[in-house]
C-alpha atoms as a PDB file:
ATOM      1  CA  MET A   1      32.591  18.977 -21.725  1.00  0.00           C
ATOM      2  CA  ALA A   2      28.902  18.578 -22.567  1.00  0.00           C
ATOM      3  CA  VAL A   3      27.981  15.705 -24.816  1.00  0.00           C
ATOM      4  CA  ALA A   4      24.807  14.420 -26.459  1.00  0.00           C
ATOM      5  CA  LEU A   5      24.151  10.707 -26.897  1.00  0.00           C
ATOM      6  CA  GLN A   6      21.514   8.993 -28.994  1.00  0.00           C
ATOM      7  CA  VAL A   7      21.298   5.342 -27.985  1.00  0.00           C
ATOM      8  CA  SER A   8      19.127   2.464 -29.171  1.00  0.00           C
ATOM      9  CA  LEU A   9      19.000  -1.030 -27.680  1.00  0.00           C
ATOM     10  CA  TYR A  10      17.737  -3.997 -29.697  1.00  0.00           C
ATOM     11  CA  PRO A  11      17.478  -7.169 -27.590  1.00  0.00           C
ATOM     12  CA  LEU A  12      17.954 -10.313 -29.708  1.00  0.00           C
ATOM     13  CA  ARG A  13      16.326 -13.705 -29.152  1.00  0.00           C
ATOM     14  CA  GLN A  14      14.737 -12.558 -25.872  1.00  0.00           C
ATOM     15  CA  MET A  15      11.162 -13.205 -24.794  1.00  0.00           C
ATOM     16  CA  ASP A  16      10.957  -9.894 -22.915  1.00  0.00           C
ATOM     17  CA  ILE A  17      12.450  -6.844 -24.608  1.00  0.00           C
ATOM     18  CA  ILE A  18      10.866  -4.239 -22.319  1.00  0.00           C
ATOM     19  CA  GLU A  19      12.831  -5.071 -19.159  1.00  0.00           C
ATOM     20  CA  PRO A  20      16.305  -4.753 -20.727  1.00  0.00           C
ATOM     21  CA  ILE A  21      15.386  -1.492 -22.463  1.00  0.00           C
ATOM     22  CA  ASN A  22      13.876   0.019 -19.306  1.00  0.00           C
ATOM     23  CA  SER A  23      16.888  -1.115 -17.256  1.00  0.00           C
ATOM     24  CA  VAL A  24      19.259   0.691 -19.605  1.00  0.00           C
ATOM     25  CA  ILE A  25      17.150   3.870 -19.552  1.00  0.00           C
ATOM     26  CA  GLU A  26      17.111   3.855 -15.754  1.00  0.00           C
ATOM     27  CA  ILE A  27      20.917   3.719 -15.687  1.00  0.00           C
ATOM     28  CA  PHE A  28      21.145   6.993 -17.589  1.00  0.00           C
ATOM     29  CA  LYS A  29      18.592   8.591 -15.276  1.00  0.00           C
ATOM     30  CA  SER A  30      20.384   7.293 -12.161  1.00  0.00           C
ATOM     31  CA  HIS A  31      23.541   9.123 -13.280  1.00  0.00           C
ATOM     32  CA  GLY A  32      21.593  12.388 -13.234  1.00  0.00           C
ATOM     33  CA  LEU A  33      21.693  12.753 -17.015  1.00  0.00           C
ATOM     34  CA  GLU A  34      18.954  14.537 -18.924  1.00  0.00           C
ATOM     35  CA  THR A  35      17.135  11.663 -20.631  1.00  0.00           C
ATOM     36  CA  HIS A  36      14.443  11.833 -23.325  1.00  0.00           C
ATOM     37  CA  VAL A  37      12.884   8.505 -24.283  1.00  0.00           C
ATOM     38  CA  GLY A  38      11.589   8.112 -27.829  1.00  0.00           C
ATOM     39  CA  SER A  39       9.933   5.253 -29.662  1.00  0.00           C
ATOM     40  CA  MET A  40      13.166   4.024 -31.304  1.00  0.00           C
ATOM     41  CA  SER A  41      15.968   5.685 -29.341  1.00  0.00           C
ATOM     42  CA  THR A  42      16.787   7.621 -26.217  1.00  0.00           C
ATOM     43  CA  LEU A  43      18.542  10.993 -26.155  1.00  0.00           C
ATOM     44  CA  VAL A  44      20.897  11.622 -23.261  1.00  0.00           C
ATOM     45  CA  TYR A  45      22.646  14.888 -22.398  1.00  0.00           C
ATOM     46  CA  GLY A  46      25.292  15.670 -19.820  1.00  0.00           C
ATOM     47  CA  ASP A  47      28.921  15.862 -18.831  1.00  0.00           C
ATOM     48  CA  ASP A  48      31.072  13.598 -21.003  1.00  0.00           C
ATOM     49  CA  GLU A  49      32.513  11.648 -18.074  1.00  0.00           C
ATOM     50  CA  LYS A  50      29.037  10.872 -16.714  1.00  0.00           C
ATOM     51  CA  VAL A  51      27.699   9.951 -20.165  1.00  0.00           C
ATOM     52  CA  PHE A  52      30.578   7.569 -20.943  1.00  0.00           C
ATOM     53  CA  LYS A  53      30.399   5.956 -17.494  1.00  0.00           C
ATOM     54  CA  ALA A  54      26.642   5.472 -17.826  1.00  0.00           C
ATOM     55  CA  LEU A  55      27.017   4.085 -21.364  1.00  0.00           C
ATOM     56  CA  GLN A  56      29.558   1.532 -20.157  1.00  0.00           C
ATOM     57  CA  GLU A  57      27.256   0.542 -17.282  1.00  0.00           C
ATOM     58  CA  ALA A  58      24.269   0.332 -19.659  1.00  0.00           C
ATOM     59  CA  TYR A  59      26.210  -1.954 -21.996  1.00  0.00           C
ATOM     60  CA  ALA A  60      27.119  -4.258 -19.106  1.00  0.00           C
ATOM     61  CA  LYS A  61      23.507  -4.290 -17.873  1.00  0.00           C
ATOM     62  CA  ALA A  62      22.124  -5.104 -21.327  1.00  0.00           C
ATOM     63  CA  SER A  63      24.514  -8.046 -21.603  1.00  0.00           C
ATOM     64  CA  GLU A  64      23.032  -9.553 -18.419  1.00  0.00           C
ATOM     65  CA  PHE A  65      19.775 -10.127 -20.311  1.00  0.00           C
ATOM     66  CA  GLY A  66      21.359 -11.887 -23.297  1.00  0.00           C
ATOM     67  CA  GLU A  67      22.329 -10.992 -26.826  1.00  0.00           C
ATOM     68  CA  PHE A  68      21.639  -7.497 -28.148  1.00  0.00           C
ATOM     69  CA  VAL A  69      22.643  -4.754 -30.530  1.00  0.00           C
ATOM     70  CA  MET A  70      23.298  -1.301 -29.101  1.00  0.00           C
ATOM     71  CA  VAL A  71      23.695   1.672 -31.417  1.00  0.00           C
ATOM     72  CA  ALA A  72      25.225   4.821 -29.933  1.00  0.00           C
ATOM     73  CA  THR A  73      25.877   8.170 -31.588  1.00  0.00           C
ATOM     74  CA  LEU A  74      27.823  10.801 -29.654  1.00  0.00           C
ATOM     75  CA  SER A  75      28.262  14.499 -30.380  1.00  0.00           C
ATOM     76  CA  ASN A  76      29.858  17.480 -28.697  1.00  0.00           C
ATOM     77  CA  ALA A  77      28.122  19.813 -31.165  1.00  0.00           C
ATOM     78  CA  CYS A  78      24.433  19.117 -30.500  1.00  0.00           C
ATOM     79  CA  PRO A  79      22.600  21.772 -28.498  1.00  0.00           C
ATOM     80  CA  LEU A  80      20.567  20.852 -25.477  1.00  0.00           C
ATOM     81  CA  PRO A  81      16.864  20.461 -26.212  1.00  0.00           C
ATOM     82  CA  LEU A  82      14.677  23.516 -25.832  1.00  0.00           C
ATOM     83  CA  ARG A  83      12.523  23.566 -22.736  1.00  0.00           C
ATOM     84  CA  PHE A  84       9.034  24.966 -22.960  1.00  0.00           C
ATOM     85  CA  ASP A  85       7.070  25.797 -19.866  1.00  0.00           C
ATOM     86  CA  ILE A  86       3.457  25.341 -20.986  1.00  0.00           C
ATOM     87  CA  ARG A  87       0.854  25.678 -18.278  1.00  0.00           C
END
């Protein structure tokens, strides 16, 4: 089943917030999931088993850096983003 995930990571009491956020984003990409990075959240699309496995791995990775808040919204009703081929 296809699923859409909107996920935001907020590192707490950490000097470097970029490394944990980038590490989490790379996990989704490494699972072959369609990943769209925004300024406040990342949208992830793919098979539900891959998305849930990647989300669990991302949570574990974020915890290696210290305290954080992760907000995740899942949907099986969101369409995939439109793709425009502009040349």
